Amino acid sequence: MTDVFALGAKWGGLDKYTNYGDTCSKGGWPPQYQAEFYELGSPLDPAQWVLGLTDFVGDSRIKRRVWRNEDGSIIDAGTFYDAQYESDCSVDSTTAGLRCVPKPPSFVMHKSGSCDDPVVVPGGMVCSTSRNCLTPKIAVDSGGNLFEVGEPLGEYELYRFMSSYQPCGLDYSCKTFVFALGKQLSPTDFAEVVTNP
């Protein structure tokens, strides 16, 4: 069984390090993620956990994410899900009106040091050489732009734009199974949200 811990005090102003394999390096989070860090709190008692299965409610493209408990009760997870793109989405105002904009876990990096050959890292599975059972439908780049996902490409080391003085650099020296980057999506591709007057 995996141990689960409560959140401790929030870190502030400290350098963050990431451990991949035998290497510990400063930073390491993909640029599109804004991460908050907390100290490890006390262990949680498994007897206090709520056992639930994620499910989706609704007959349209946009569905509500819920938790179904063993006793049949339902807890609203407070998020929406776009069934076409198989991704959580949030209601935002766009140039095409009110839309449920997908929030995919898959993101865009590059497969060479030129940083002109974008690829999709499925589900944020960096350093995974397994294709998994998942084939992502959409991905997000560091600018927040959304793209369709193309065919599987194979295993590559990953590069990204690092900074103005080091434009493109090796981010992960491990091999990662990636997909081709498809066409960029526009707000008209996202599910329209209709509100009752």
N, C-alpha and C. Protein backbone atom coordinates (compact mmCIF):
# COMPACT_ATOMS: atom_id res chain seq x y z
N MET A 1 0.84 -1.19 0.00
CA MET A 1 0.00 0.00 0.00
C MET A 1 0.88 1.24 0.00
N THR A 2 0.47 2.28 -0.71
CA THR A 2 1.18 3.54 -0.75
C THR A 2 0.78 4.39 0.44
N ASP A 3 1.77 4.98 1.12
CA ASP A 3 1.47 5.88 2.24
C ASP A 3 0.97 7.21 1.70
N VAL A 4 0.02 7.79 2.39
CA VAL A 4 -0.53 9.10 2.01
C VAL A 4 -0.32 10.03 3.19
N PHE A 5 0.12 11.26 2.89
CA PHE A 5 0.45 12.22 3.93
C PHE A 5 -0.37 13.50 3.77
N ALA A 6 -0.64 14.15 4.87
CA ALA A 6 -1.28 15.47 4.85
C ALA A 6 -0.26 16.50 4.38
N LEU A 7 -0.76 17.65 3.91
CA LEU A 7 0.13 18.74 3.55
C LEU A 7 0.62 19.44 4.80
N GLY A 8 1.91 19.78 4.81
CA GLY A 8 2.48 20.55 5.91
C GLY A 8 2.50 22.03 5.54
N ALA A 9 3.45 22.75 6.10
CA ALA A 9 3.57 24.19 5.85
C ALA A 9 4.00 24.45 4.41
N LYS A 10 3.49 25.53 3.82
CA LYS A 10 3.84 25.90 2.45
C LYS A 10 5.24 26.48 2.42
N TRP A 11 6.02 26.05 1.40
CA TRP A 11 7.37 26.58 1.23
C TRP A 11 7.28 27.94 0.59
N GLY A 12 8.22 28.80 0.92
CA GLY A 12 8.29 30.11 0.28
C GLY A 12 9.73 30.53 0.10
N GLY A 13 10.09 30.92 -1.10
CA GLY A 13 11.42 31.46 -1.37
C GLY A 13 12.54 30.45 -1.32
N LEU A 14 12.24 29.17 -1.42
CA LEU A 14 13.29 28.15 -1.38
C LEU A 14 13.51 27.59 -2.77
N ASP A 15 14.75 27.16 -3.05
CA ASP A 15 15.03 26.49 -4.31
C ASP A 15 14.39 25.10 -4.30
N LYS A 16 13.84 24.70 -5.44
CA LYS A 16 13.20 23.40 -5.55
C LYS A 16 14.08 22.48 -6.40
N TYR A 17 14.17 21.24 -6.00
CA TYR A 17 14.99 20.27 -6.72
C TYR A 17 14.12 19.07 -7.12
N THR A 18 14.46 18.48 -8.26
CA THR A 18 13.73 17.33 -8.75
C THR A 18 14.70 16.18 -8.91
N ASN A 19 14.28 14.98 -8.52
CA ASN A 19 15.14 13.80 -8.60
C ASN A 19 14.61 12.88 -9.69
N TYR A 20 15.41 12.64 -10.74
CA TYR A 20 15.09 11.68 -11.78
C TYR A 20 16.22 10.67 -11.84
N GLY A 21 15.91 9.43 -11.49
CA GLY A 21 16.94 8.39 -11.49
C GLY A 21 17.99 8.70 -10.44
N ASP A 22 19.25 8.79 -10.87
CA ASP A 22 20.35 9.08 -9.94
C ASP A 22 20.73 10.55 -9.96
N THR A 23 19.97 11.39 -10.63
CA THR A 23 20.32 12.79 -10.77
C THR A 23 19.35 13.68 -10.02
N CYS A 24 19.90 14.58 -9.22
CA CYS A 24 19.09 15.57 -8.51
C CYS A 24 19.49 16.93 -9.07
N SER A 25 18.54 17.67 -9.63
CA SER A 25 18.87 18.95 -10.23
C SER A 25 17.87 20.02 -9.81
N LYS A 26 18.33 21.26 -9.85
CA LYS A 26 17.50 22.39 -9.48
C LYS A 26 16.42 22.58 -10.53
N GLY A 27 15.21 22.87 -10.09
CA GLY A 27 14.11 23.10 -11.03
C GLY A 27 13.57 21.79 -11.53
N GLY A 28 13.35 21.70 -12.83
CA GLY A 28 12.91 20.46 -13.44
C GLY A 28 11.44 20.40 -13.75
N TRP A 29 10.67 21.44 -13.39
CA TRP A 29 9.24 21.43 -13.71
C TRP A 29 9.03 22.00 -15.10
N PRO A 30 8.16 21.40 -15.91
CA PRO A 30 7.85 21.96 -17.23
C PRO A 30 7.38 23.40 -17.09
N PRO A 31 7.77 24.28 -18.02
CA PRO A 31 7.53 25.71 -17.85
C PRO A 31 6.06 26.10 -17.77
N GLN A 32 5.14 25.31 -18.31
CA GLN A 32 3.74 25.72 -18.29
C GLN A 32 3.07 25.48 -16.95
N TYR A 33 3.74 24.77 -16.04
CA TYR A 33 3.13 24.48 -14.75
C TYR A 33 3.57 25.48 -13.70
N GLN A 34 2.61 26.01 -12.97
CA GLN A 34 2.90 26.86 -11.83
C GLN A 34 2.72 25.97 -10.61
N ALA A 35 3.81 25.58 -9.99
CA ALA A 35 3.74 24.62 -8.89
C ALA A 35 3.88 25.32 -7.55
N GLU A 36 3.14 24.83 -6.57
CA GLU A 36 3.31 25.25 -5.18
C GLU A 36 3.85 24.05 -4.42
N PHE A 37 4.70 24.30 -3.44
CA PHE A 37 5.33 23.22 -2.71
C PHE A 37 5.03 23.33 -1.22
N TYR A 38 4.88 22.16 -0.58
CA TYR A 38 4.55 22.09 0.84
C TYR A 38 5.45 21.07 1.52
N GLU A 39 5.68 21.27 2.81
CA GLU A 39 6.39 20.27 3.59
C GLU A 39 5.51 19.04 3.73
N LEU A 40 6.15 17.90 3.96
CA LEU A 40 5.41 16.66 4.17
C LEU A 40 4.79 16.68 5.56
N GLY A 41 3.49 16.45 5.63
CA GLY A 41 2.80 16.44 6.91
C GLY A 41 2.77 15.06 7.52
N SER A 42 1.85 14.85 8.43
CA SER A 42 1.76 13.56 9.12
C SER A 42 1.02 12.55 8.24
N PRO A 43 1.30 11.24 8.47
CA PRO A 43 0.61 10.20 7.68
C PRO A 43 -0.89 10.20 7.95
N LEU A 44 -1.67 9.86 6.92
CA LEU A 44 -3.12 9.77 7.08
C LEU A 44 -3.52 8.32 7.32
N ASP A 45 -4.53 8.12 8.12
CA ASP A 45 -5.02 6.79 8.46
C ASP A 45 -5.89 6.26 7.32
N PRO A 46 -5.53 5.11 6.71
CA PRO A 46 -6.32 4.56 5.60
C PRO A 46 -7.79 4.34 5.96
N ALA A 47 -8.09 4.12 7.23
CA ALA A 47 -9.48 3.91 7.65
C ALA A 47 -10.33 5.16 7.46
N GLN A 48 -9.67 6.30 7.33
CA GLN A 48 -10.38 7.57 7.17
C GLN A 48 -10.57 7.96 5.71
N TRP A 49 -9.99 7.20 4.79
CA TRP A 49 -10.09 7.54 3.37
C TRP A 49 -11.50 7.29 2.87
N VAL A 50 -11.91 8.09 1.91
CA VAL A 50 -13.19 7.88 1.24
C VAL A 50 -12.91 7.12 -0.05
N LEU A 51 -13.49 5.93 -0.16
CA LEU A 51 -13.30 5.14 -1.37
C LEU A 51 -14.30 5.59 -2.41
N GLY A 52 -13.82 6.02 -3.57
CA GLY A 52 -14.73 6.48 -4.60
C GLY A 52 -14.16 6.24 -5.98
N LEU A 53 -15.02 6.13 -6.96
CA LEU A 53 -14.62 5.96 -8.35
C LEU A 53 -15.04 7.19 -9.13
N THR A 54 -14.16 7.69 -9.97
CA THR A 54 -14.50 8.86 -10.76
C THR A 54 -15.49 8.47 -11.85
N ASP A 55 -16.43 9.34 -12.13
CA ASP A 55 -17.44 9.08 -13.14
C ASP A 55 -17.85 10.42 -13.73
N PHE A 56 -18.63 10.37 -14.80
CA PHE A 56 -19.07 11.58 -15.47
C PHE A 56 -20.58 11.56 -15.63
N VAL A 57 -21.21 12.70 -15.41
CA VAL A 57 -22.66 12.80 -15.46
C VAL A 57 -23.05 13.77 -16.57
N GLY A 58 -24.02 13.38 -17.38
CA GLY A 58 -24.52 14.26 -18.43
C GLY A 58 -24.56 13.55 -19.77
N ASP A 59 -25.42 14.06 -20.67
CA ASP A 59 -25.59 13.44 -21.99
C ASP A 59 -24.95 14.26 -23.10
N SER A 60 -24.39 15.42 -22.78
CA SER A 60 -23.80 16.28 -23.80
C SER A 60 -22.29 16.10 -23.84
N ARG A 61 -21.64 16.87 -24.70
CA ARG A 61 -20.18 16.81 -24.81
C ARG A 61 -19.51 17.23 -23.50
N ILE A 62 -20.06 18.24 -22.82
CA ILE A 62 -19.53 18.67 -21.53
C ILE A 62 -20.25 17.88 -20.43
N LYS A 63 -19.47 17.27 -19.57
CA LYS A 63 -20.03 16.48 -18.47
C LYS A 63 -19.47 16.98 -17.14
N ARG A 64 -20.16 16.66 -16.06
CA ARG A 64 -19.68 16.97 -14.71
C ARG A 64 -18.90 15.77 -14.20
N ARG A 65 -17.76 16.03 -13.60
CA ARG A 65 -16.99 14.95 -12.97
C ARG A 65 -17.52 14.75 -11.55
N VAL A 66 -17.79 13.50 -11.19
CA VAL A 66 -18.30 13.18 -9.85
C VAL A 66 -17.53 11.99 -9.29
N TRP A 67 -17.66 11.79 -7.99
CA TRP A 67 -17.14 10.61 -7.31
C TRP A 67 -18.33 9.76 -6.88
N ARG A 68 -18.29 8.47 -7.20
CA ARG A 68 -19.32 7.53 -6.75
C ARG A 68 -18.74 6.68 -5.64
N ASN A 69 -19.36 6.74 -4.48
CA ASN A 69 -18.90 5.97 -3.32
C ASN A 69 -19.51 4.58 -3.31
N GLU A 70 -18.94 3.72 -2.46
CA GLU A 70 -19.43 2.34 -2.35
C GLU A 70 -20.90 2.28 -1.99
N ASP A 71 -21.36 3.26 -1.20
CA ASP A 71 -22.76 3.24 -0.75
C ASP A 71 -23.72 3.80 -1.80
N GLY A 72 -23.20 4.17 -2.99
CA GLY A 72 -24.04 4.70 -4.06
C GLY A 72 -24.17 6.20 -4.07
N SER A 73 -23.67 6.86 -3.03
CA SER A 73 -23.77 8.32 -2.98
C SER A 73 -22.81 8.95 -3.99
N ILE A 74 -23.13 10.15 -4.39
CA ILE A 74 -22.33 10.87 -5.39
C ILE A 74 -21.84 12.17 -4.77
N ILE A 75 -20.56 12.46 -5.00
CA ILE A 75 -19.96 13.73 -4.57
C ILE A 75 -19.54 14.48 -5.82
N ASP A 76 -20.00 15.71 -5.98
CA ASP A 76 -19.62 16.53 -7.12
C ASP A 76 -18.16 16.93 -6.97
N ALA A 77 -17.34 16.62 -7.98
CA ALA A 77 -15.91 16.95 -7.92
C ALA A 77 -15.66 18.42 -8.24
N GLY A 78 -16.69 19.12 -8.74
CA GLY A 78 -16.54 20.55 -9.02
C GLY A 78 -15.82 20.88 -10.31
N THR A 79 -15.67 19.91 -11.20
CA THR A 79 -14.99 20.16 -12.48
C THR A 79 -15.83 19.65 -13.64
N PHE A 80 -15.53 20.17 -14.82
CA PHE A 80 -16.18 19.74 -16.05
C PHE A 80 -15.22 18.87 -16.86
N TYR A 81 -15.80 18.10 -17.79
CA TYR A 81 -15.04 17.18 -18.61
C TYR A 81 -15.53 17.28 -20.05
N ASP A 82 -14.61 17.43 -21.01
CA ASP A 82 -14.94 17.49 -22.43
C ASP A 82 -14.79 16.07 -22.99
N ALA A 83 -15.91 15.43 -23.31
CA ALA A 83 -15.89 14.04 -23.77
C ALA A 83 -15.21 13.89 -25.13
N GLN A 84 -15.27 14.91 -25.98
CA GLN A 84 -14.63 14.81 -27.30
C GLN A 84 -13.12 14.75 -27.18
N TYR A 85 -12.55 15.61 -26.33
CA TYR A 85 -11.10 15.66 -26.17
C TYR A 85 -10.60 14.82 -25.00
N GLU A 86 -11.53 14.19 -24.26
CA GLU A 86 -11.18 13.35 -23.11
C GLU A 86 -10.26 14.09 -22.16
N SER A 87 -10.71 15.29 -21.76
CA SER A 87 -9.90 16.16 -20.91
C SER A 87 -10.80 16.98 -20.00
N ASP A 88 -10.32 17.22 -18.78
CA ASP A 88 -11.00 18.20 -17.93
C ASP A 88 -11.00 19.53 -18.66
N CYS A 89 -11.99 20.37 -18.38
CA CYS A 89 -12.05 21.68 -19.01
C CYS A 89 -12.62 22.68 -18.01
N SER A 90 -12.34 23.96 -18.25
CA SER A 90 -12.89 25.00 -17.38
C SER A 90 -13.59 26.04 -18.24
N VAL A 91 -14.66 26.59 -17.71
CA VAL A 91 -15.46 27.56 -18.45
C VAL A 91 -14.74 28.91 -18.45
N ASP A 92 -14.43 29.38 -19.67
CA ASP A 92 -13.72 30.65 -19.84
C ASP A 92 -14.35 31.45 -20.97
N SER A 93 -14.19 32.77 -20.88
CA SER A 93 -14.61 33.65 -21.96
C SER A 93 -13.52 33.65 -23.03
N THR A 94 -13.90 33.40 -24.29
CA THR A 94 -12.94 33.37 -25.40
C THR A 94 -13.43 34.30 -26.51
N THR A 95 -12.65 34.40 -27.57
CA THR A 95 -13.06 35.21 -28.72
C THR A 95 -14.28 34.62 -29.40
N ALA A 96 -14.58 33.35 -29.12
CA ALA A 96 -15.76 32.68 -29.69
C ALA A 96 -16.89 32.58 -28.66
N GLY A 97 -16.82 33.36 -27.60
CA GLY A 97 -17.84 33.32 -26.57
C GLY A 97 -17.44 32.42 -25.41
N LEU A 98 -18.42 32.05 -24.61
CA LEU A 98 -18.18 31.21 -23.44
C LEU A 98 -17.94 29.77 -23.88
N ARG A 99 -16.75 29.23 -23.54
CA ARG A 99 -16.38 27.87 -23.95
C ARG A 99 -15.78 27.11 -22.77
N CYS A 100 -15.84 25.79 -22.85
CA CYS A 100 -15.18 24.95 -21.86
C CYS A 100 -13.80 24.60 -22.43
N VAL A 101 -12.79 25.30 -21.96
CA VAL A 101 -11.43 25.20 -22.51
C VAL A 101 -10.71 24.01 -21.86
N PRO A 102 -10.25 23.05 -22.66
CA PRO A 102 -9.59 21.86 -22.11
C PRO A 102 -8.33 22.20 -21.32
N LYS A 103 -8.05 21.38 -20.33
CA LYS A 103 -6.86 21.50 -19.48
C LYS A 103 -6.12 20.16 -19.52
N PRO A 104 -5.48 19.83 -20.65
CA PRO A 104 -4.87 18.50 -20.78
C PRO A 104 -3.60 18.36 -19.95
N PRO A 105 -3.32 17.13 -19.48
CA PRO A 105 -2.06 16.89 -18.77
C PRO A 105 -0.88 16.69 -19.71
N SER A 106 -1.15 16.45 -21.00
CA SER A 106 -0.07 16.25 -21.97
C SER A 106 0.49 17.59 -22.41
N PHE A 107 1.82 17.67 -22.54
CA PHE A 107 2.42 18.96 -22.89
C PHE A 107 3.45 18.81 -24.00
N VAL A 108 3.85 19.97 -24.56
CA VAL A 108 4.72 20.02 -25.72
C VAL A 108 6.17 20.29 -25.30
N MET A 109 7.09 19.49 -25.83
CA MET A 109 8.52 19.73 -25.69
C MET A 109 9.14 19.52 -27.07
N HIS A 110 10.46 19.34 -27.14
CA HIS A 110 11.13 19.16 -28.43
C HIS A 110 12.02 17.92 -28.38
N LYS A 111 12.25 17.30 -29.55
CA LYS A 111 13.03 16.06 -29.59
C LYS A 111 14.46 16.25 -30.06
N SER A 112 14.91 17.52 -30.22
CA SER A 112 16.31 17.77 -30.54
C SER A 112 16.72 19.13 -29.99
N GLY A 113 18.04 19.37 -29.97
CA GLY A 113 18.59 20.61 -29.43
C GLY A 113 18.31 21.85 -30.24
N SER A 114 17.67 21.72 -31.40
CA SER A 114 17.31 22.91 -32.19
C SER A 114 16.00 23.52 -31.71
N CYS A 115 15.23 22.77 -30.94
CA CYS A 115 13.91 23.22 -30.44
C CYS A 115 12.99 23.70 -31.55
N ASP A 116 13.09 23.06 -32.73
CA ASP A 116 12.18 23.41 -33.83
C ASP A 116 11.39 22.17 -34.27
N ASP A 117 11.33 21.17 -33.41
CA ASP A 117 10.65 19.92 -33.73
C ASP A 117 9.80 19.49 -32.54
N PRO A 118 8.67 20.18 -32.35
CA PRO A 118 7.83 19.91 -31.17
C PRO A 118 7.22 18.51 -31.20
N VAL A 119 7.11 17.93 -30.00
CA VAL A 119 6.48 16.63 -29.81
C VAL A 119 5.61 16.71 -28.56
N VAL A 120 4.73 15.74 -28.41
CA VAL A 120 3.81 15.71 -27.27
C VAL A 120 4.27 14.65 -26.28
N VAL A 121 4.40 15.06 -25.01
CA VAL A 121 4.69 14.14 -23.92
C VAL A 121 3.34 13.73 -23.33
N PRO A 122 2.92 12.47 -23.51
CA PRO A 122 1.57 12.07 -23.10
C PRO A 122 1.39 12.06 -21.58
N GLY A 123 0.38 12.78 -21.13
CA GLY A 123 0.03 12.77 -19.72
C GLY A 123 1.12 13.22 -18.78
N GLY A 124 2.11 13.95 -19.28
CA GLY A 124 3.22 14.38 -18.44
C GLY A 124 4.13 13.25 -18.02
N MET A 125 4.10 12.13 -18.77
CA MET A 125 4.86 10.93 -18.40
C MET A 125 6.31 11.04 -18.88
N VAL A 126 7.05 11.98 -18.30
CA VAL A 126 8.45 12.16 -18.65
C VAL A 126 9.24 10.93 -18.19
N CYS A 127 10.19 10.52 -19.01
CA CYS A 127 11.07 9.37 -18.74
C CYS A 127 10.34 8.04 -18.82
N SER A 128 9.14 8.01 -19.39
CA SER A 128 8.42 6.76 -19.57
C SER A 128 8.59 6.30 -21.01
N THR A 129 9.13 5.09 -21.19
CA THR A 129 9.30 4.55 -22.54
C THR A 129 8.15 3.65 -22.93
N SER A 130 7.18 3.54 -22.03
CA SER A 130 6.01 2.75 -22.34
C SER A 130 4.98 3.62 -23.04
N ARG A 131 4.36 3.09 -24.05
CA ARG A 131 3.33 3.86 -24.75
C ARG A 131 2.09 3.99 -23.88
N ASN A 132 2.00 3.20 -22.85
CA ASN A 132 0.84 3.21 -21.96
C ASN A 132 -0.39 2.71 -22.70
N CYS A 133 -1.52 2.80 -22.05
CA CYS A 133 -2.78 2.49 -22.73
C CYS A 133 -3.38 3.78 -23.26
N LEU A 134 -2.79 4.90 -22.91
CA LEU A 134 -3.39 6.19 -23.25
C LEU A 134 -2.79 6.76 -24.52
N THR A 135 -3.64 7.24 -25.40
CA THR A 135 -3.20 8.05 -26.53
C THR A 135 -3.88 9.39 -26.34
N PRO A 136 -3.10 10.43 -26.00
CA PRO A 136 -3.72 11.72 -25.73
C PRO A 136 -4.37 12.30 -26.98
N LYS A 137 -5.42 13.09 -26.78
CA LYS A 137 -6.10 13.73 -27.91
C LYS A 137 -5.61 15.15 -28.13
N ILE A 138 -5.24 15.83 -27.02
CA ILE A 138 -4.78 17.22 -27.12
C ILE A 138 -3.62 17.45 -26.16
N ALA A 139 -2.87 18.53 -26.41
CA ALA A 139 -1.72 18.88 -25.58
C ALA A 139 -1.62 20.40 -25.50
N VAL A 140 -0.89 20.89 -24.50
CA VAL A 140 -0.71 22.33 -24.30
C VAL A 140 0.78 22.66 -24.40
N ASP A 141 1.10 23.82 -25.01
CA ASP A 141 2.49 24.25 -25.06
C ASP A 141 2.75 25.27 -23.94
N SER A 142 3.99 25.75 -23.84
CA SER A 142 4.36 26.65 -22.75
C SER A 142 3.64 27.99 -22.81
N GLY A 143 3.08 28.32 -23.97
CA GLY A 143 2.32 29.56 -24.11
C GLY A 143 0.84 29.41 -23.84
N GLY A 144 0.42 28.18 -23.48
CA GLY A 144 -0.99 27.93 -23.20
C GLY A 144 -1.81 27.60 -24.43
N ASN A 145 -1.18 27.47 -25.61
CA ASN A 145 -1.88 27.11 -26.84
C ASN A 145 -2.18 25.61 -26.84
N LEU A 146 -3.34 25.26 -27.37
CA LEU A 146 -3.77 23.86 -27.40
C LEU A 146 -3.64 23.28 -28.81
N PHE A 147 -3.24 22.01 -28.88
CA PHE A 147 -2.99 21.34 -30.15
C PHE A 147 -3.59 19.94 -30.14
N GLU A 148 -3.97 19.46 -31.32
CA GLU A 148 -4.32 18.06 -31.47
C GLU A 148 -3.03 17.24 -31.40
N VAL A 149 -3.18 15.95 -31.10
CA VAL A 149 -2.02 15.05 -31.01
C VAL A 149 -2.03 14.14 -32.23
N GLY A 150 -0.84 13.96 -32.83
CA GLY A 150 -0.70 13.12 -34.01
C GLY A 150 -0.30 11.71 -33.68
N GLU A 151 0.38 11.07 -34.62
CA GLU A 151 0.74 9.66 -34.50
C GLU A 151 1.88 9.46 -33.50
N PRO A 152 2.01 8.22 -32.98
CA PRO A 152 3.13 7.93 -32.09
C PRO A 152 4.45 7.99 -32.86
N LEU A 153 5.50 8.51 -32.22
CA LEU A 153 6.79 8.67 -32.89
C LEU A 153 7.88 7.74 -32.36
N GLY A 154 7.83 7.41 -31.07
CA GLY A 154 8.89 6.60 -30.49
C GLY A 154 9.52 7.30 -29.30
N GLU A 155 10.75 6.89 -28.96
CA GLU A 155 11.43 7.38 -27.76
C GLU A 155 12.50 8.41 -28.11
N TYR A 156 12.52 9.52 -27.36
CA TYR A 156 13.48 10.60 -27.59
C TYR A 156 13.87 11.24 -26.26
N GLU A 157 15.06 11.87 -26.24
CA GLU A 157 15.39 12.78 -25.14
C GLU A 157 14.61 14.06 -25.37
N LEU A 158 14.35 14.80 -24.31
CA LEU A 158 13.49 15.98 -24.41
C LEU A 158 14.25 17.28 -24.19
N TYR A 159 13.94 18.26 -25.05
CA TYR A 159 14.56 19.58 -24.98
C TYR A 159 13.46 20.63 -24.84
N ARG A 160 13.84 21.79 -24.31
CA ARG A 160 12.90 22.91 -24.24
C ARG A 160 13.67 24.21 -24.24
N PHE A 161 12.96 25.30 -24.50
CA PHE A 161 13.56 26.63 -24.40
C PHE A 161 13.83 26.90 -22.93
N MET A 162 15.08 27.18 -22.58
CA MET A 162 15.47 27.31 -21.17
C MET A 162 15.40 28.76 -20.69
N SER A 163 16.06 29.67 -21.41
CA SER A 163 16.11 31.08 -21.02
C SER A 163 16.64 31.88 -22.20
N SER A 164 16.71 33.19 -22.04
CA SER A 164 17.18 34.03 -23.16
C SER A 164 18.65 33.80 -23.45
N TYR A 165 19.46 33.44 -22.45
CA TYR A 165 20.89 33.21 -22.71
C TYR A 165 21.19 31.76 -23.09
N GLN A 166 20.26 30.86 -22.86
CA GLN A 166 20.40 29.46 -23.29
C GLN A 166 19.09 29.06 -23.96
N PRO A 167 18.91 29.46 -25.23
CA PRO A 167 17.61 29.31 -25.87
C PRO A 167 17.03 27.91 -25.88
N CYS A 168 17.85 26.89 -26.13
CA CYS A 168 17.32 25.53 -26.18
C CYS A 168 18.30 24.61 -25.47
N GLY A 169 17.79 23.80 -24.58
CA GLY A 169 18.68 22.92 -23.84
C GLY A 169 18.03 21.59 -23.52
N LEU A 170 18.86 20.60 -23.23
CA LEU A 170 18.39 19.27 -22.85
C LEU A 170 17.74 19.37 -21.48
N ASP A 171 16.48 18.98 -21.41
CA ASP A 171 15.76 19.05 -20.14
C ASP A 171 15.74 17.69 -19.45
N TYR A 172 15.56 16.62 -20.22
CA TYR A 172 15.52 15.28 -19.67
C TYR A 172 16.39 14.38 -20.53
N SER A 173 17.47 13.84 -19.97
CA SER A 173 18.37 13.00 -20.75
C SER A 173 17.83 11.57 -20.88
N CYS A 174 16.80 11.25 -20.12
CA CYS A 174 16.18 9.93 -20.25
C CYS A 174 15.30 9.90 -21.51
N LYS A 175 15.07 8.73 -22.01
CA LYS A 175 14.19 8.58 -23.18
C LYS A 175 12.73 8.61 -22.74
N THR A 176 11.89 9.25 -23.57
CA THR A 176 10.46 9.36 -23.29
C THR A 176 9.69 9.04 -24.55
N PHE A 177 8.63 8.25 -24.43
CA PHE A 177 7.79 7.94 -25.59
C PHE A 177 6.93 9.15 -25.91
N VAL A 178 6.98 9.63 -27.16
CA VAL A 178 6.29 10.86 -27.54
C VAL A 178 5.41 10.65 -28.77
N PHE A 179 4.55 11.64 -29.00
CA PHE A 179 3.65 11.67 -30.16
C PHE A 179 3.92 12.93 -30.98
N ALA A 180 3.51 12.89 -32.25
CA ALA A 180 3.64 14.06 -33.11
C ALA A 180 2.66 15.14 -32.67
N LEU A 181 3.01 16.38 -32.95
CA LEU A 181 2.14 17.52 -32.65
C LEU A 181 1.24 17.77 -33.85
N GLY A 182 -0.07 17.87 -33.60
CA GLY A 182 -1.03 18.11 -34.66
C GLY A 182 -1.34 19.59 -34.82
N LYS A 183 -2.49 19.89 -35.41
CA LYS A 183 -2.86 21.29 -35.69
C LYS A 183 -3.25 22.02 -34.42
N GLN A 184 -3.01 23.33 -34.43
CA GLN A 184 -3.39 24.15 -33.29
C GLN A 184 -4.91 24.33 -33.27
N LEU A 185 -5.49 24.26 -32.08
CA LEU A 185 -6.92 24.42 -31.91
C LEU A 185 -7.26 25.88 -31.70
N SER A 186 -8.47 26.25 -32.10
CA SER A 186 -8.95 27.61 -31.87
C SER A 186 -10.16 27.54 -30.94
N PRO A 187 -10.57 28.67 -30.36
CA PRO A 187 -11.71 28.65 -29.44
C PRO A 187 -12.99 28.03 -30.03
N THR A 188 -13.17 28.10 -31.36
CA THR A 188 -14.37 27.50 -31.95
C THR A 188 -14.34 25.97 -31.88
N ASP A 189 -13.16 25.37 -31.62
CA ASP A 189 -13.05 23.93 -31.46
C ASP A 189 -13.52 23.47 -30.08
N PHE A 190 -13.56 24.39 -29.11
CA PHE A 190 -13.91 24.02 -27.74
C PHE A 190 -15.44 23.97 -27.60
N ALA A 191 -15.89 23.20 -26.63
CA ALA A 191 -17.33 23.04 -26.41
C ALA A 191 -17.95 24.35 -25.97
N GLU A 192 -19.05 24.71 -26.64
CA GLU A 192 -19.76 25.96 -26.32
C GLU A 192 -20.55 25.77 -25.03
N VAL A 193 -20.52 26.81 -24.19
CA VAL A 193 -21.26 26.78 -22.94
C VAL A 193 -22.48 27.69 -23.09
N VAL A 194 -23.65 27.12 -22.88
CA VAL A 194 -24.89 27.89 -22.99
C VAL A 194 -25.43 28.10 -21.58
N THR A 195 -25.69 29.34 -21.25
CA THR A 195 -26.22 29.64 -19.90
C THR A 195 -27.71 29.94 -20.00
N ASN A 196 -28.44 29.58 -18.98
CA ASN A 196 -29.87 29.88 -18.94
C ASN A 196 -30.08 31.34 -18.56
N PRO A 197 -31.03 32.04 -19.24
CA PRO A 197 -31.25 33.45 -18.92
C PRO A 197 -31.90 33.60 -17.55
